[in-house]
């Protein structure tokens, strides 16, 4: 028989979860130990650690790495893991600090090494093609050299050569446009000269020269452009490019040089103005482009810009007015500075710097 149902009673709606979403699980009741009916033991309620007990537990676990109490759990295990990491026991490696200066030094030495290797690969062998011989001398490219050869403008050992692919020996003499040429690729080395070195290739008294400092700078023999006194320091250029050497040292090109001068006493304002107007020496009036005190330095330190290349001209200018030059450092020559070059060290010029010298 069916039970009577009140017409006002409505069926209860059951709430269903939307598709793709699982029904949330009911919260679990805390686990309670059941009593043993046979032995008649009372029910044991869970006990939580007090704050002081938890701190002592953490302290002992952090020092030993092992649980020392009756209670153990993941919370304490992972805490030590995150604090100490998964490091294995053993001697600790010394911490190496990162130094930007050391990193930049390694980068510069690597760049210089690559440039030197590039130059070394271009050293001519026992025999070399004539067009490459001409191109290595810096006159023109290989394709343009082929045109010069075909026109009979190149001579080898006094005879014109028009044969393509002609091999030239090291002992052969090659002449173009009436002048002898060499297959050496031009090399430009910038040196920060220290005190006590002479700016010559050889010295009769066996004193130290700048060639001792750039012995490994180039596979070719380079020569200093201009001179610096033995006691004068600063930037100096060495190259095997004879045309560039003549251009940088000839008075008509007016290559500017800047010196940092340290005197034995303060330079008077009147003497500074006299030097700016020009001091008469044996060769004539020594014209100075500019002279001024160095900002933040004592009055016995001045900067002087000059283009004339007379022997010991800067020292003689100040000696003419009764001053003695204690330190003389050339900080700029033909637009080249000693920036990032330690005293006694050198570097190879970049292509941009070489092009700037050629355009002067």
Foldseek 3Di string as FASTA:
>chain_A
DDDDDDPPDDDDDDDDDDPPDDDDDDDDDDDWDDDDPVVPDDTDDDDDDDPVVVVVQLVVCLVPVDGDDPDDDPVSNVVSCVVPNPDDDDDDDDDDDDDPVVVVVVVQVVVQVVVQVVLVVQDDDQKDFPLLQVVLQVPDHSVVSLVCLCVQQKDKQRGGHNDGRDIDGQPIWMDGPRDTTGNRHKWKKKAFAAAQAWQFPDDPVPGHHLCVLCVPNHPDDWHWQATDDNGATEITMIIPDPVLSCLQQDLVNQKKWKKKWAWPDADDPVLQVVVCVFDADPVGTQHWPHKDADPPDDRRIIMTMGRDRDDPVVQVSVVVVPIGTPYMYIQDTNRDGCPPADHSGMGIDDPVVVVSSVVD
